[in-house]
Structures are given as structure tokens and as C-alpha cells.
PDB file of all heavy atoms in Angstrom:
ATOM      1  N   VAL A   1      -9.802  25.812  28.268  1.00  0.00           N
ATOM      2  CA  VAL A   1     -10.483  24.747  29.040  1.00  0.00           C
ATOM      3  C   VAL A   1     -10.011  24.811  30.491  1.00  0.00           C
ATOM      4  O   VAL A   1      -8.817  24.659  30.768  1.00  0.00           O
ATOM      5  CB  VAL A   1     -10.179  23.350  28.455  1.00  0.00           C
ATOM      6  CG1 VAL A   1     -10.889  22.268  29.266  1.00  0.00           C
ATOM      7  CG2 VAL A   1     -10.589  23.271  26.991  1.00  0.00           C
ATOM      8  N   PRO A   2     -10.927  25.046  31.433  1.00  0.00           N
ATOM      9  CA  PRO A   2     -10.536  25.106  32.845  1.00  0.00           C
ATOM     10  C   PRO A   2      -9.774  23.856  33.290  1.00  0.00           C
ATOM     11  O   PRO A   2     -10.083  22.742  32.862  1.00  0.00           O
ATOM     12  CB  PRO A   2     -11.887  25.212  33.568  1.00  0.00           C
ATOM     13  CG  PRO A   2     -12.766  25.914  32.577  1.00  0.00           C
ATOM     14  CD  PRO A   2     -12.353  25.376  31.235  1.00  0.00           C
ATOM     15  N   ASN A   3      -8.759  24.070  34.125  1.00  0.00           N
ATOM     16  CA  ASN A   3      -7.911  23.020  34.709  1.00  0.00           C
ATOM     17  C   ASN A   3      -6.878  22.426  33.748  1.00  0.00           C
ATOM     18  O   ASN A   3      -6.109  21.544  34.143  1.00  0.00           O
ATOM     19  CB  ASN A   3      -8.743  21.880  35.314  1.00  0.00           C
ATOM     20  CG  ASN A   3      -9.600  22.353  36.466  1.00  0.00           C
ATOM     21  OD1 ASN A   3      -9.134  23.109  37.324  1.00  0.00           O
ATOM     22  ND2 ASN A   3     -10.857  21.928  36.494  1.00  0.00           N
ATOM     23  N   ASP A   4      -6.838  22.893  32.520  1.00  0.00           N
ATOM     24  CA  ASP A   4      -5.864  22.330  31.573  1.00  0.00           C
ATOM     25  C   ASP A   4      -4.435  22.727  31.942  1.00  0.00           C
ATOM     26  O   ASP A   4      -4.160  23.858  32.352  1.00  0.00           O
ATOM     27  CB  ASP A   4      -6.155  22.805  30.151  1.00  0.00           C
ATOM     28  CG  ASP A   4      -6.944  21.781  29.358  1.00  0.00           C
ATOM     29  OD1 ASP A   4      -7.501  20.848  29.975  1.00  0.00           O
ATOM     30  OD2 ASP A   4      -7.029  21.919  28.118  1.00  0.00           O
ATOM     31  N   THR A   5      -3.538  21.775  31.751  1.00  0.00           N
ATOM     32  CA  THR A   5      -2.101  22.014  31.892  1.00  0.00           C
ATOM     33  C   THR A   5      -1.487  22.071  30.494  1.00  0.00           C
ATOM     34  O   THR A   5      -2.180  21.863  29.487  1.00  0.00           O
ATOM     35  CB  THR A   5      -1.434  20.875  32.674  1.00  0.00           C
ATOM     36  OG1 THR A   5      -1.566  19.664  31.908  1.00  0.00           O
ATOM     37  CG2 THR A   5      -2.063  20.697  34.051  1.00  0.00           C
ATOM     38  N   SER A   6      -0.198  22.325  30.427  1.00  0.00           N
ATOM     39  CA  SER A   6       0.477  22.359  29.125  1.00  0.00           C
ATOM     40  C   SER A   6       0.424  20.992  28.443  1.00  0.00           C
ATOM     41  O   SER A   6       0.353  20.904  27.213  1.00  0.00           O
ATOM     42  CB  SER A   6       1.926  22.817  29.293  1.00  0.00           C
ATOM     43  OG  SER A   6       2.626  21.994  30.196  1.00  0.00           O
ATOM     44  N   THR A   7       0.428  19.928  29.228  1.00  0.00           N
ATOM     45  CA  THR A   7       0.308  18.572  28.663  1.00  0.00           C
ATOM     46  C   THR A   7      -1.060  18.393  28.015  1.00  0.00           C
ATOM     47  O   THR A   7      -1.182  17.803  26.932  1.00  0.00           O
ATOM     48  CB  THR A   7       0.514  17.503  29.759  1.00  0.00           C
ATOM     49  OG1 THR A   7       1.807  17.687  30.335  1.00  0.00           O
ATOM     50  CG2 THR A   7       0.417  16.095  29.190  1.00  0.00           C
ATOM     51  N   ASP A   8      -2.102  18.915  28.649  1.00  0.00           N
ATOM     52  CA  ASP A   8      -3.460  18.830  28.091  1.00  0.00           C
ATOM     53  C   ASP A   8      -3.562  19.617  26.792  1.00  0.00           C
ATOM     54  O   ASP A   8      -4.214  19.169  25.838  1.00  0.00           O
ATOM     55  CB  ASP A   8      -4.485  19.376  29.094  1.00  0.00           C
ATOM     56  CG  ASP A   8      -4.584  18.536  30.355  1.00  0.00           C
ATOM     57  OD1 ASP A   8      -4.593  17.302  30.238  1.00  0.00           O
ATOM     58  OD2 ASP A   8      -4.642  19.123  31.455  1.00  0.00           O
ATOM     59  N   LEU A   9      -2.914  20.784  26.740  1.00  0.00           N
ATOM     60  CA  LEU A   9      -2.995  21.600  25.531  1.00  0.00           C
ATOM     61  C   LEU A   9      -2.343  20.908  24.342  1.00  0.00           C
ATOM     62  O   LEU A   9      -2.842  20.999  23.215  1.00  0.00           O
ATOM     63  CB  LEU A   9      -2.357  22.969  25.770  1.00  0.00           C
ATOM     64  CG  LEU A   9      -2.398  23.954  24.592  1.00  0.00           C
ATOM     65  CD1 LEU A   9      -3.809  24.117  24.049  1.00  0.00           C
ATOM     66  CD2 LEU A   9      -1.824  25.307  25.011  1.00  0.00           C
ATOM     67  N   ILE A  10      -1.254  20.208  24.585  1.00  0.00           N
ATOM     68  CA  ILE A  10      -0.628  19.434  23.500  1.00  0.00           C
ATOM     69  C   ILE A  10      -1.625  18.424  22.931  1.00  0.00           C
ATOM     70  O   ILE A  10      -1.749  18.262  21.715  1.00  0.00           O
ATOM     71  CB  ILE A  10       0.644  18.711  24.001  1.00  0.00           C
ATOM     72  CG1 ILE A  10       1.777  19.724  24.192  1.00  0.00           C
ATOM     73  CG2 ILE A  10       1.091  17.637  23.012  1.00  0.00           C
ATOM     74  CD1 ILE A  10       3.026  19.129  24.793  1.00  0.00           C
ATOM     75  N   LYS A  11      -2.349  17.761  23.815  1.00  0.00           N
ATOM     76  CA  LYS A  11      -3.350  16.779  23.374  1.00  0.00           C
ATOM     77  C   LYS A  11      -4.464  17.455  22.580  1.00  0.00           C
ATOM     78  O   LYS A  11      -4.934  16.929  21.574  1.00  0.00           O
ATOM     79  CB  LYS A  11      -3.937  16.049  24.585  1.00  0.00           C
ATOM     80  CG  LYS A  11      -2.942  15.145  25.299  1.00  0.00           C
ATOM     81  CD  LYS A  11      -3.555  14.562  26.561  1.00  0.00           C
ATOM     82  CE  LYS A  11      -2.529  13.732  27.341  1.00  0.00           C
ATOM     83  NZ  LYS A  11      -3.080  13.256  28.637  1.00  0.00           N
ATOM     84  N   ARG A  12      -4.882  18.634  23.025  1.00  0.00           N
ATOM     85  CA  ARG A  12      -5.981  19.329  22.335  1.00  0.00           C
ATOM     86  C   ARG A  12      -5.565  19.787  20.938  1.00  0.00           C
ATOM     87  O   ARG A  12      -6.390  19.850  20.026  1.00  0.00           O
ATOM     88  CB  ARG A  12      -6.462  20.522  23.165  1.00  0.00           C
ATOM     89  CG  ARG A  12      -7.100  20.101  24.463  1.00  0.00           C
ATOM     90  CD  ARG A  12      -7.916  21.161  25.135  1.00  0.00           C
ATOM     91  NE  ARG A  12      -8.274  20.699  26.475  1.00  0.00           N
ATOM     92  CZ  ARG A  12      -9.241  19.828  26.744  1.00  0.00           C
ATOM     93  NH1 ARG A  12      -9.963  19.336  25.749  1.00  0.00           N
ATOM     94  NH2 ARG A  12      -9.494  19.459  27.988  1.00  0.00           N
ATOM     95  N   LEU A  13      -4.289  20.100  20.784  1.00  0.00           N
ATOM     96  CA  LEU A  13      -3.815  20.535  19.471  1.00  0.00           C
ATOM     97  C   LEU A  13      -3.716  19.392  18.467  1.00  0.00           C
ATOM     98  O   LEU A  13      -3.437  19.612  17.291  1.00  0.00           O
ATOM     99  CB  LEU A  13      -2.465  21.246  19.609  1.00  0.00           C
ATOM    100  CG  LEU A  13      -2.537  22.672  20.169  1.00  0.00           C
ATOM    101  CD1 LEU A  13      -1.145  23.200  20.502  1.00  0.00           C
ATOM    102  CD2 LEU A  13      -3.253  23.606  19.200  1.00  0.00           C
ATOM    103  N   LYS A  14      -3.964  18.166  18.935  1.00  0.00           N
ATOM    104  CA  LYS A  14      -4.064  17.037  18.009  1.00  0.00           C
ATOM    105  C   LYS A  14      -5.422  17.033  17.298  1.00  0.00           C
ATOM    106  O   LYS A  14      -5.619  16.332  16.315  1.00  0.00           O
ATOM    107  CB  LYS A  14      -3.848  15.717  18.759  1.00  0.00           C
ATOM    108  CG  LYS A  14      -2.404  15.539  19.221  1.00  0.00           C
ATOM    109  CD  LYS A  14      -2.209  14.260  19.992  1.00  0.00           C
ATOM    110  CE  LYS A  14      -0.745  14.126  20.455  1.00  0.00           C
ATOM    111  NZ  LYS A  14      -0.528  12.924  21.288  1.00  0.00           N
ATOM    112  N   ASN A  15      -6.359  17.824  17.847  1.00  0.00           N
ATOM    113  CA  ASN A  15      -7.643  18.031  17.190  1.00  0.00           C
ATOM    114  C   ASN A  15      -7.419  18.936  15.984  1.00  0.00           C
ATOM    115  O   ASN A  15      -6.993  20.089  16.131  1.00  0.00           O
ATOM    116  CB  ASN A  15      -8.622  18.678  18.184  1.00  0.00           C
ATOM    117  CG  ASN A  15      -9.981  18.957  17.574  1.00  0.00           C
ATOM    118  OD1 ASN A  15     -10.097  19.593  16.537  1.00  0.00           O
ATOM    119  ND2 ASN A  15     -11.023  18.492  18.236  1.00  0.00           N
ATOM    120  N   LYS A  16      -7.695  18.435  14.798  1.00  0.00           N
ATOM    121  CA  LYS A  16      -7.377  19.149  13.563  1.00  0.00           C
ATOM    122  C   LYS A  16      -8.060  20.515  13.491  1.00  0.00           C
ATOM    123  O   LYS A  16      -7.457  21.503  13.059  1.00  0.00           O
ATOM    124  CB  LYS A  16      -7.775  18.301  12.353  1.00  0.00           C
ATOM    125  CG  LYS A  16      -7.275  18.864  11.029  1.00  0.00           C
ATOM    126  CD  LYS A  16      -7.585  17.934   9.877  1.00  0.00           C
ATOM    127  CE  LYS A  16      -7.076  18.534   8.568  1.00  0.00           C
ATOM    128  NZ  LYS A  16      -7.392  17.649   7.412  1.00  0.00           N
ATOM    129  N   GLN A  17      -9.307  20.573  13.937  1.00  0.00           N
ATOM    130  CA  GLN A  17     -10.048  21.836  13.859  1.00  0.00           C
ATOM    131  C   GLN A  17      -9.396  22.918  14.719  1.00  0.00           C
ATOM    132  O   GLN A  17      -9.213  24.057  14.290  1.00  0.00           O
ATOM    133  CB  GLN A  17     -11.498  21.642  14.298  1.00  0.00           C
ATOM    134  CG  GLN A  17     -12.312  22.932  14.220  1.00  0.00           C
ATOM    135  CD  GLN A  17     -13.728  22.783  14.751  1.00  0.00           C
ATOM    136  OE1 GLN A  17     -14.202  21.681  14.956  1.00  0.00           O
ATOM    137  NE2 GLN A  17     -14.395  23.901  14.991  1.00  0.00           N
ATOM    138  N   ILE A  18      -9.022  22.542  15.945  1.00  0.00           N
ATOM    139  CA  ILE A  18      -8.386  23.510  16.847  1.00  0.00           C
ATOM    140  C   ILE A  18      -7.043  23.960  16.288  1.00  0.00           C
ATOM    141  O   ILE A  18      -6.735  25.157  16.237  1.00  0.00           O
ATOM    142  CB  ILE A  18      -8.203  22.903  18.255  1.00  0.00           C
ATOM    143  CG1 ILE A  18      -9.570  22.639  18.894  1.00  0.00           C
ATOM    144  CG2 ILE A  18      -7.377  23.827  19.144  1.00  0.00           C
ATOM    145  CD1 ILE A  18      -9.502  21.912  20.224  1.00  0.00           C
ATOM    146  N   ALA A  19      -6.237  22.994  15.841  1.00  0.00           N
ATOM    147  CA  ALA A  19      -4.903  23.313  15.324  1.00  0.00           C
ATOM    148  C   ALA A  19      -4.977  24.197  14.083  1.00  0.00           C
ATOM    149  O   ALA A  19      -4.256  25.196  13.976  1.00  0.00           O
ATOM    150  CB  ALA A  19      -4.135  22.030  15.015  1.00  0.00           C
ATOM    151  N   GLU A  20      -5.848  23.855  13.142  1.00  0.00           N
ATOM    152  CA  GLU A  20      -5.956  24.616  11.901  1.00  0.00           C
ATOM    153  C   GLU A  20      -6.526  26.006  12.139  1.00  0.00           C
ATOM    154  O   GLU A  20      -6.092  26.983  11.516  1.00  0.00           O
ATOM    155  CB  GLU A  20      -6.827  23.859  10.881  1.00  0.00           C
ATOM    156  CG  GLU A  20      -6.187  22.594  10.335  1.00  0.00           C
ATOM    157  CD  GLU A  20      -4.837  22.855   9.660  1.00  0.00           C
ATOM    158  OE1 GLU A  20      -4.751  23.800   8.846  1.00  0.00           O
ATOM    159  OE2 GLU A  20      -3.878  22.131   9.943  1.00  0.00           O
ATOM    160  N   THR A  21      -7.487  26.104  13.049  1.00  0.00           N
ATOM    161  CA  THR A  21      -8.057  27.426  13.373  1.00  0.00           C
ATOM    162  C   THR A  21      -6.984  28.333  13.938  1.00  0.00           C
ATOM    163  O   THR A  21      -6.875  29.509  13.560  1.00  0.00           O
ATOM    164  CB  THR A  21      -9.216  27.279  14.386  1.00  0.00           C
ATOM    165  OG1 THR A  21     -10.233  26.452  13.819  1.00  0.00           O
ATOM    166  CG2 THR A  21      -9.819  28.631  14.725  1.00  0.00           C
ATOM    167  N   ALA A  22      -6.176  27.797  14.856  1.00  0.00           N
ATOM    168  CA  ALA A  22      -5.095  28.587  15.450  1.00  0.00           C
ATOM    169  C   ALA A  22      -4.088  29.023  14.384  1.00  0.00           C
ATOM    170  O   ALA A  22      -3.695  30.197  14.321  1.00  0.00           O
ATOM    171  CB  ALA A  22      -4.401  27.785  16.544  1.00  0.00           C
ATOM    172  N   LYS A  23      -3.695  28.092  13.536  1.00  0.00           N
ATOM    173  CA  LYS A  23      -2.686  28.395  12.514  1.00  0.00           C
ATOM    174  C   LYS A  23      -3.165  29.464  11.537  1.00  0.00           C
ATOM    175  O   LYS A  23      -2.367  30.253  11.022  1.00  0.00           O
ATOM    176  CB  LYS A  23      -2.342  27.122  11.729  1.00  0.00           C
ATOM    177  CG  LYS A  23      -1.557  26.090  12.524  1.00  0.00           C
ATOM    178  CD  LYS A  23      -1.415  24.804  11.729  1.00  0.00           C
ATOM    179  CE  LYS A  23      -0.831  23.688  12.562  1.00  0.00           C
ATOM    180  NZ  LYS A  23      -0.755  22.409  11.828  1.00  0.00           N
ATOM    181  N   ASN A  24      -4.473  29.491  11.261  1.00  0.00           N
ATOM    182  CA  ASN A  24      -5.019  30.413  10.276  1.00  0.00           C
ATOM    183  C   ASN A  24      -5.439  31.763  10.864  1.00  0.00           C
ATOM    184  O   ASN A  24      -5.884  32.647  10.140  1.00  0.00           O
ATOM    185  CB  ASN A  24      -6.223  29.779   9.565  1.00  0.00           C
ATOM    186  CG  ASN A  24      -5.813  28.588   8.707  1.00  0.00           C
ATOM    187  OD1 ASN A  24      -4.740  28.588   8.120  1.00  0.00           O
ATOM    188  ND2 ASN A  24      -6.647  27.571   8.650  1.00  0.00           N
ATOM    189  N   SER A  25      -5.303  31.911  12.167  1.00  0.00           N
ATOM    190  CA  SER A  25      -5.730  33.146  12.821  1.00  0.00           C
ATOM    191  C   SER A  25      -4.717  34.273  12.644  1.00  0.00           C
ATOM    192  O   SER A  25      -3.527  34.025  12.465  1.00  0.00           O
ATOM    193  CB  SER A  25      -5.963  32.895  14.315  1.00  0.00           C
ATOM    194  OG  SER A  25      -7.055  32.035  14.508  1.00  0.00           O
ATOM    195  N   ASP A  26      -5.213  35.494  12.720  1.00  0.00           N
ATOM    196  CA  ASP A  26      -4.331  36.653  12.638  1.00  0.00           C
ATOM    197  C   ASP A  26      -3.611  36.895  13.959  1.00  0.00           C
ATOM    198  O   ASP A  26      -2.486  37.381  13.985  1.00  0.00           O
ATOM    199  CB  ASP A  26      -5.151  37.901  12.273  1.00  0.00           C
ATOM    200  CG  ASP A  26      -5.829  37.753  10.924  1.00  0.00           C
ATOM    201  OD1 ASP A  26      -5.126  37.802   9.901  1.00  0.00           O
ATOM    202  OD2 ASP A  26      -7.073  37.569  10.893  1.00  0.00           O
ATOM    203  N   PHE A  27      -4.290  36.566  15.067  1.00  0.00           N
ATOM    204  CA  PHE A  27      -3.714  36.703  16.401  1.00  0.00           C
ATOM    205  C   PHE A  27      -3.885  35.390  17.156  1.00  0.00           C
ATOM    206  O   PHE A  27      -4.970  34.804  17.152  1.00  0.00           O
ATOM    207  CB  PHE A  27      -4.399  37.826  17.193  1.00  0.00           C
ATOM    208  CG  PHE A  27      -4.452  39.143  16.475  1.00  0.00           C
ATOM    209  CD1 PHE A  27      -5.654  39.640  16.005  1.00  0.00           C
ATOM    210  CD2 PHE A  27      -3.298  39.877  16.258  1.00  0.00           C
ATOM    211  CE1 PHE A  27      -5.707  40.848  15.337  1.00  0.00           C
ATOM    212  CE2 PHE A  27      -3.339  41.088  15.585  1.00  0.00           C
ATOM    213  CZ  PHE A  27      -4.552  41.577  15.124  1.00  0.00           C
ATOM    214  N   ILE A  28      -2.826  34.939  17.812  1.00  0.00           N
ATOM    215  CA  ILE A  28      -2.887  33.696  18.598  1.00  0.00           C
ATOM    216  C   ILE A  28      -2.434  34.007  20.016  1.00  0.00           C
ATOM    217  O   ILE A  28      -1.322  34.503  20.233  1.00  0.00           O
ATOM    218  CB  ILE A  28      -1.983  32.598  17.993  1.00  0.00           C
ATOM    219  CG1 ILE A  28      -2.377  32.345  16.529  1.00  0.00           C
ATOM    220  CG2 ILE A  28      -2.092  31.307  18.795  1.00  0.00           C
ATOM    221  CD1 ILE A  28      -1.231  32.344  15.574  1.00  0.00           C
ATOM    222  N   PHE A  29      -3.314  33.742  20.980  1.00  0.00           N
ATOM    223  CA  PHE A  29      -3.005  33.986  22.390  1.00  0.00           C
ATOM    224  C   PHE A  29      -2.949  32.654  23.133  1.00  0.00           C
ATOM    225  O   PHE A  29      -3.849  31.820  22.989  1.00  0.00           O
ATOM    226  CB  PHE A  29      -4.076  34.875  23.033  1.00  0.00           C
ATOM    227  CG  PHE A  29      -4.311  36.167  22.297  1.00  0.00           C
ATOM    228  CD1 PHE A  29      -5.504  36.399  21.639  1.00  0.00           C
ATOM    229  CD2 PHE A  29      -3.334  37.146  22.257  1.00  0.00           C
ATOM    230  CE1 PHE A  29      -5.725  37.590  20.953  1.00  0.00           C
ATOM    231  CE2 PHE A  29      -3.538  38.336  21.573  1.00  0.00           C
ATOM    232  CZ  PHE A  29      -4.738  38.562  20.923  1.00  0.00           C
ATOM    233  N   ILE A  30      -1.905  32.468  23.923  1.00  0.00           N
ATOM    234  CA  ILE A  30      -1.762  31.231  24.695  1.00  0.00           C
ATOM    235  C   ILE A  30      -1.644  31.562  26.177  1.00  0.00           C
ATOM    236  O   ILE A  30      -0.769  32.313  26.590  1.00  0.00           O
ATOM    237  CB  ILE A  30      -0.537  30.410  24.232  1.00  0.00           C
ATOM    238  CG1 ILE A  30      -0.700  29.999  22.767  1.00  0.00           C
ATOM    239  CG2 ILE A  30      -0.355  29.179  25.124  1.00  0.00           C
ATOM    240  CD1 ILE A  30       0.482  29.229  22.198  1.00  0.00           C
ATOM    241  N   ASN A  31      -2.569  31.011  26.931  1.00  0.00           N
ATOM    242  CA  ASN A  31      -2.614  31.192  28.387  1.00  0.00           C
ATOM    243  C   ASN A  31      -2.453  29.811  29.009  1.00  0.00           C
ATOM    244  O   ASN A  31      -3.431  29.090  29.175  1.00  0.00           O
ATOM    245  CB  ASN A  31      -3.986  31.739  28.770  1.00  0.00           C
ATOM    246  CG  ASN A  31      -3.894  32.960  29.652  1.00  0.00           C
ATOM    247  OD1 ASN A  31      -4.389  34.000  29.264  1.00  0.00           O
ATOM    248  ND2 ASN A  31      -3.268  32.855  30.802  1.00  0.00           N
ATOM    249  N   ILE A  32      -1.235  29.417  29.321  1.00  0.00           N
ATOM    250  CA  ILE A  32      -1.024  28.063  29.863  1.00  0.00           C
ATOM    251  C   ILE A  32       0.137  28.118  30.856  1.00  0.00           C
ATOM    252  O   ILE A  32       1.014  28.971  30.741  1.00  0.00           O
ATOM    253  CB  ILE A  32      -0.745  27.039  28.727  1.00  0.00           C
ATOM    254  CG1 ILE A  32      -1.110  25.616  29.173  1.00  0.00           C
ATOM    255  CG2 ILE A  32       0.683  27.132  28.231  1.00  0.00           C
ATOM    256  CD1 ILE A  32      -2.585  25.356  29.316  1.00  0.00           C
ATOM    257  N   GLY A  33       0.105  27.216  31.829  1.00  0.00           N
ATOM    258  CA  GLY A  33       1.191  27.148  32.797  1.00  0.00           C
ATOM    259  C   GLY A  33       0.741  27.348  34.230  1.00  0.00           C
ATOM    260  O   GLY A  33       1.411  26.890  35.163  1.00  0.00           O
TER     261      GLY A  33
END
């Protein structure tokens, strides 16, 4: 999501779909900071 900070990403991971999709993935990439 454009303009997101690390604080915003924490909030987005409270979304169950996003969190579960990430956890179940074979590869997880994080671009934040």
C-alpha cells in the first residue's frame, strides 16, 4: 500500500485474510521502512 509505514503494516496484519495468506505462503517478502 503506497505511503504505508511500519505502524500501518501492523494495523493491516490485524486483517485476518492478509495475516493468514502471509502465514500460509511459501515465500514472504516485506518492503517496509
